Amino acid sequence: MAKKRPKQLAILDEDLCTGCEACITVCPVDCIDKISDPAHPGYAMGLCTIDMNRCIGCKLCAQVCPWDCITMVPTDEVLSNDKVAVLVE
C-alpha cells in the first residue's frame, strides 16, 4: 500500500538557508538533513535539504525557521511543478 501524500509539503529556499539546523531538531520524521555533497554549491555554508518523500506536512520546520526559508506548499501545486515533482516519487 502506497503512502498517502500529505496536503502540503515543506519547500526550502536554499538561497535563504543558513544551515542553523533549527528545522532538523524539530522534524518528527527526520526528513531534513544537512547537505553532505561537497559538489553542491551550498555545501561550504552548510545548507539543509528536505526529503519530500518523507515529509508529512506537519509545519514544525516552517514554524521554527528563524530565516523564514521554509514554506508549506499544497502538494498538488508541488506536483504540478516539473522541476520539483521529480523529487516527489
C-alpha atoms as a PDB file:
ATOM      1  CA  MET A   1       0.000   0.000   0.000  1.00  0.00           C
ATOM      2  CA  ALA A   2       1.379   3.392  -1.007  1.00  0.00           C
ATOM      3  CA  LYS A   3       1.890   6.166   1.487  1.00  0.00           C
ATOM      4  CA  LYS A   4      -0.854   8.772   1.406  1.00  0.00           C
ATOM      5  CA  ARG A   5       0.518  12.157   0.412  1.00  0.00           C
ATOM      6  CA  PRO A   6       0.171  14.999   2.924  1.00  0.00           C
ATOM      7  CA  LYS A   7      -1.956  18.008   1.961  1.00  0.00           C
ATOM      8  CA  GLN A   8       1.154  20.175   1.914  1.00  0.00           C
ATOM      9  CA  LEU A   9       4.907  19.764   1.708  1.00  0.00           C
ATOM     10  CA  ALA A  10       7.795  21.782   3.101  1.00  0.00           C
ATOM     11  CA  ILE A  11       9.811  23.627   0.454  1.00  0.00           C
ATOM     12  CA  LEU A  12      13.155  25.095   1.482  1.00  0.00           C
ATOM     13  CA  ASP A  13      14.620  28.162  -0.239  1.00  0.00           C
ATOM     14  CA  GLU A  14      18.328  27.329  -0.406  1.00  0.00           C
ATOM     15  CA  ASP A  15      19.184  30.965  -1.118  1.00  0.00           C
ATOM     16  CA  LEU A  16      17.953  31.944   2.355  1.00  0.00           C
ATOM     17  CA  CYS A  17      19.055  28.886   4.382  1.00  0.00           C
ATOM     18  CA  THR A  18      21.968  29.449   6.767  1.00  0.00           C
ATOM     19  CA  GLY A  19      22.227  25.843   7.922  1.00  0.00           C
ATOM     20  CA  CYS A  20      21.303  26.730  11.518  1.00  0.00           C
ATOM     21  CA  GLU A  21      19.674  23.275  11.959  1.00  0.00           C
ATOM     22  CA  ALA A  22      16.598  24.568  13.821  1.00  0.00           C
ATOM     23  CA  CYS A  23      14.402  22.651  11.390  1.00  0.00           C
ATOM     24  CA  ILE A  24      16.410  19.456  11.796  1.00  0.00           C
ATOM     25  CA  THR A  25      15.895  19.406  15.551  1.00  0.00           C
ATOM     26  CA  VAL A  26      12.072  19.631  15.355  1.00  0.00           C
ATOM     27  CA  CYS A  27      11.329  17.327  12.419  1.00  0.00           C
ATOM     28  CA  PRO A  28       9.399  14.314  13.787  1.00  0.00           C
ATOM     29  CA  VAL A  29      10.216  12.105  10.781  1.00  0.00           C
ATOM     30  CA  ASP A  30      13.871  13.095  10.246  1.00  0.00           C
ATOM     31  CA  CYS A  31      13.312  14.213   6.655  1.00  0.00           C
ATOM     32  CA  ILE A  32      15.654  17.214   6.933  1.00  0.00           C
ATOM     33  CA  ASP A  33      19.421  16.846   6.686  1.00  0.00           C
ATOM     34  CA  LYS A  34      22.471  18.987   6.122  1.00  0.00           C
ATOM     35  CA  ILE A  35      23.861  18.801   2.601  1.00  0.00           C
ATOM     36  CA  SER A  36      26.762  16.391   2.617  1.00  0.00           C
ATOM     37  CA  ASP A  37      27.767  16.653  -1.038  1.00  0.00           C
ATOM     38  CA  PRO A  38      30.899  18.799  -1.486  1.00  0.00           C
ATOM     39  CA  ALA A  39      29.929  19.271  -5.154  1.00  0.00           C
ATOM     40  CA  HIS A  40      26.713  21.091  -4.136  1.00  0.00           C
ATOM     41  CA  PRO A  41      27.016  24.906  -4.423  1.00  0.00           C
ATOM     42  CA  GLY A  42      25.785  25.476  -0.858  1.00  0.00           C
ATOM     43  CA  TYR A  43      27.979  22.848   0.807  1.00  0.00           C
ATOM     44  CA  ALA A  44      30.512  25.283   2.293  1.00  0.00           C
ATOM     45  CA  MET A  45      27.770  27.264   4.024  1.00  0.00           C
ATOM     46  CA  GLY A  46      26.029  24.155   5.359  1.00  0.00           C
ATOM     47  CA  LEU A  47      22.572  24.228   3.802  1.00  0.00           C
ATOM     48  CA  CYS A  48      19.739  21.968   4.834  1.00  0.00           C
ATOM     49  CA  THR A  49      17.700  19.840   2.461  1.00  0.00           C
ATOM     50  CA  ILE A  50      14.243  18.294   2.779  1.00  0.00           C
ATOM     51  CA  ASP A  51      13.369  14.777   1.604  1.00  0.00           C
ATOM     52  CA  MET A  52       9.853  15.429   0.327  1.00  0.00           C
ATOM     53  CA  ASN A  53       9.113  11.712   0.090  1.00  0.00           C
ATOM     54  CA  ARG A  54       9.386  11.503   3.880  1.00  0.00           C
ATOM     55  CA  CYS A  55       7.799  14.886   4.701  1.00  0.00           C
ATOM     56  CA  ILE A  56       4.440  14.574   6.483  1.00  0.00           C
ATOM     57  CA  GLY A  57       3.474  18.239   6.160  1.00  0.00           C
ATOM     58  CA  CYS A  58       3.432  18.929   9.911  1.00  0.00           C
ATOM     59  CA  LYS A  59       4.628  22.576   9.531  1.00  0.00           C
ATOM     60  CA  LEU A  60       7.010  22.405  12.502  1.00  0.00           C
ATOM     61  CA  CYS A  61      10.074  23.217  10.417  1.00  0.00           C
ATOM     62  CA  ALA A  62       8.428  26.273   8.857  1.00  0.00           C
ATOM     63  CA  GLN A  63       7.336  27.487  12.295  1.00  0.00           C
ATOM     64  CA  VAL A  64      10.812  27.329  13.863  1.00  0.00           C
ATOM     65  CA  CYS A  65      12.924  28.546  10.934  1.00  0.00           C
ATOM     66  CA  PRO A  66      14.392  31.886  12.088  1.00  0.00           C
ATOM     67  CA  TRP A  67      15.096  32.919   8.489  1.00  0.00           C
ATOM     68  CA  ASP A  68      11.637  32.078   7.058  1.00  0.00           C
ATOM     69  CA  CYS A  69      13.195  29.991   4.324  1.00  0.00           C
ATOM     70  CA  ILE A  70      10.739  27.073   4.628  1.00  0.00           C
ATOM     71  CA  THR A  71       7.315  27.442   3.076  1.00  0.00           C
ATOM     72  CA  MET A  72       4.444  24.991   3.229  1.00  0.00           C
ATOM     73  CA  VAL A  73       3.081  24.481  -0.285  1.00  0.00           C
ATOM     74  CA  PRO A  74      -0.011  22.468  -1.272  1.00  0.00           C
ATOM     75  CA  THR A  75       1.078  19.056  -2.550  1.00  0.00           C
ATOM     76  CA  ASP A  76      -0.913  19.449  -5.778  1.00  0.00           C
ATOM     77  CA  GLU A  77       0.989  22.653  -6.510  1.00  0.00           C
ATOM     78  CA  VAL A  78       4.323  20.943  -5.820  1.00  0.00           C
ATOM     79  CA  LEU A  79       3.447  18.040  -8.128  1.00  0.00           C
ATOM     80  CA  SER A  80       2.401  20.412 -10.915  1.00  0.00           C
ATOM     81  CA  ASN A  81       5.894  21.971 -10.961  1.00  0.00           C
ATOM     82  CA  ASP A  82       8.015  19.748 -13.213  1.00  0.00           C
ATOM     83  CA  LYS A  83      11.304  20.762 -11.536  1.00  0.00           C
ATOM     84  CA  VAL A  84      10.089  19.828  -8.063  1.00  0.00           C
ATOM     85  CA  ALA A  85       7.756  16.951  -8.962  1.00  0.00           C
ATOM     86  CA  VAL A  86      10.735  14.717  -9.813  1.00  0.00           C
ATOM     87  CA  LEU A  87      11.809  14.968  -6.168  1.00  0.00           C
ATOM     88  CA  VAL A  88       8.477  13.539  -5.018  1.00  0.00           C
ATOM     89  CA  GLU A  89       8.112   9.997  -6.247  1.00  0.00           C
END
